[in-house]
Amino acid sequence: MSNNRYIQLLTAAILSLGGLVLLFCGVFIEPHGQIHESLLIGFGEVATFAGALFGIDYVYKYKK
């Protein structure tokens, strides 16, 4: 695996984990069980960005 591809996939994985941490923080920080809308928006943006990285990589890898 090339170094650039590794960095790109590592970034996407870190961003996805960060989004999951935000989601769990919304569950375990007072008030329990209530997820604030800003956490959901943040998770959605992170997940979308990470998915875009994976998708762009896939398209260009198999474009030939």
C-alpha atoms as a PDB file:
ATOM      1  CA  MET A   1       0.000   0.000   0.000  1.00  0.00           C
ATOM      2  CA  SER A   2       1.430   3.383  -0.958  1.00  0.00           C
ATOM      3  CA  ASN A   3       2.226   5.924   1.735  1.00  0.00           C
ATOM      4  CA  ASN A   4      -0.378   8.442   0.486  1.00  0.00           C
ATOM      5  CA  ARG A   5      -3.118   5.821   0.418  1.00  0.00           C
ATOM      6  CA  TYR A   6      -2.194   4.698   3.933  1.00  0.00           C
ATOM      7  CA  ILE A   7      -2.345   8.281   5.243  1.00  0.00           C
ATOM      8  CA  GLN A   8      -5.689   8.876   3.560  1.00  0.00           C
ATOM      9  CA  LEU A   9      -7.263   5.739   4.989  1.00  0.00           C
ATOM     10  CA  LEU A  10      -5.748   6.395   8.424  1.00  0.00           C
ATOM     11  CA  THR A  11      -7.218   9.903   8.416  1.00  0.00           C
ATOM     12  CA  ALA A  12     -10.646   8.557   7.483  1.00  0.00           C
ATOM     13  CA  ALA A  13     -10.463   5.957  10.258  1.00  0.00           C
ATOM     14  CA  ILE A  14      -9.398   8.530  12.861  1.00  0.00           C
ATOM     15  CA  LEU A  15     -12.191  10.867  11.821  1.00  0.00           C
ATOM     16  CA  SER A  16     -14.750   8.079  12.031  1.00  0.00           C
ATOM     17  CA  LEU A  17     -13.557   7.140  15.524  1.00  0.00           C
ATOM     18  CA  GLY A  18     -13.736  10.790  16.531  1.00  0.00           C
ATOM     19  CA  GLY A  19     -17.334  10.911  15.383  1.00  0.00           C
ATOM     20  CA  LEU A  20     -18.148   7.822  17.431  1.00  0.00           C
ATOM     21  CA  VAL A  21     -16.534   9.409  20.502  1.00  0.00           C
ATOM     22  CA  LEU A  22     -18.773  12.450  20.035  1.00  0.00           C
ATOM     23  CA  LEU A  23     -21.803  10.201  19.825  1.00  0.00           C
ATOM     24  CA  PHE A  24     -20.896   8.322  23.015  1.00  0.00           C
ATOM     25  CA  CYS A  25     -20.176  11.604  24.825  1.00  0.00           C
ATOM     26  CA  GLY A  26     -23.716  12.660  24.018  1.00  0.00           C
ATOM     27  CA  VAL A  27     -25.023   9.541  25.726  1.00  0.00           C
ATOM     28  CA  PHE A  28     -22.856   9.489  28.868  1.00  0.00           C
ATOM     29  CA  ILE A  29     -22.541  13.194  29.732  1.00  0.00           C
ATOM     30  CA  GLU A  30     -25.361  14.832  31.714  1.00  0.00           C
ATOM     31  CA  PRO A  31     -28.252  14.664  30.990  1.00  0.00           C
ATOM     32  CA  HIS A  32     -27.895  10.909  30.445  1.00  0.00           C
ATOM     33  CA  GLY A  33     -29.377   9.535  27.249  1.00  0.00           C
ATOM     34  CA  GLN A  34     -30.014  12.875  25.567  1.00  0.00           C
ATOM     35  CA  ILE A  35     -27.912  13.511  22.479  1.00  0.00           C
ATOM     36  CA  HIS A  36     -27.533  17.197  21.733  1.00  0.00           C
ATOM     37  CA  GLU A  37     -28.146  18.186  18.143  1.00  0.00           C
ATOM     38  CA  SER A  38     -24.657  19.687  17.752  1.00  0.00           C
ATOM     39  CA  LEU A  39     -23.119  16.276  18.496  1.00  0.00           C
ATOM     40  CA  LEU A  40     -25.272  14.633  15.871  1.00  0.00           C
ATOM     41  CA  ILE A  41     -24.373  17.290  13.325  1.00  0.00           C
ATOM     42  CA  GLY A  42     -20.678  16.925  14.158  1.00  0.00           C
ATOM     43  CA  PHE A  43     -20.859  13.154  13.795  1.00  0.00           C
ATOM     44  CA  GLY A  44     -22.691  13.477  10.498  1.00  0.00           C
ATOM     45  CA  GLU A  45     -20.065  15.818   9.094  1.00  0.00           C
ATOM     46  CA  VAL A  46     -17.206  13.594  10.216  1.00  0.00           C
ATOM     47  CA  ALA A  47     -18.831  10.444   8.856  1.00  0.00           C
ATOM     48  CA  THR A  48     -19.586  12.160   5.550  1.00  0.00           C
ATOM     49  CA  PHE A  49     -16.010  13.386   5.179  1.00  0.00           C
ATOM     50  CA  ALA A  50     -14.565   9.966   5.999  1.00  0.00           C
ATOM     51  CA  GLY A  51     -16.967   8.275   3.601  1.00  0.00           C
ATOM     52  CA  ALA A  52     -16.032  10.750   0.895  1.00  0.00           C
ATOM     53  CA  LEU A  53     -12.359   9.914   1.372  1.00  0.00           C
ATOM     54  CA  PHE A  54     -13.042   6.209   1.001  1.00  0.00           C
ATOM     55  CA  GLY A  55     -15.308   6.783  -1.997  1.00  0.00           C
ATOM     56  CA  ILE A  56     -12.932   9.091  -3.850  1.00  0.00           C
ATOM     57  CA  ASP A  57     -10.079   6.673  -3.263  1.00  0.00           C
ATOM     58  CA  TYR A  58     -12.157   3.764  -4.574  1.00  0.00           C
ATOM     59  CA  VAL A  59     -13.260   5.609  -7.728  1.00  0.00           C
ATOM     60  CA  TYR A  60      -9.767   6.691  -8.716  1.00  0.00           C
ATOM     61  CA  LYS A  61      -8.231   3.327  -7.865  1.00  0.00           C
ATOM     62  CA  TYR A  62     -10.586   1.405 -10.180  1.00  0.00           C
ATOM     63  CA  LYS A  63     -11.097   4.099 -12.846  1.00  0.00           C
ATOM     64  CA  LYS A  64      -8.815   2.416 -15.406  1.00  0.00           C
END
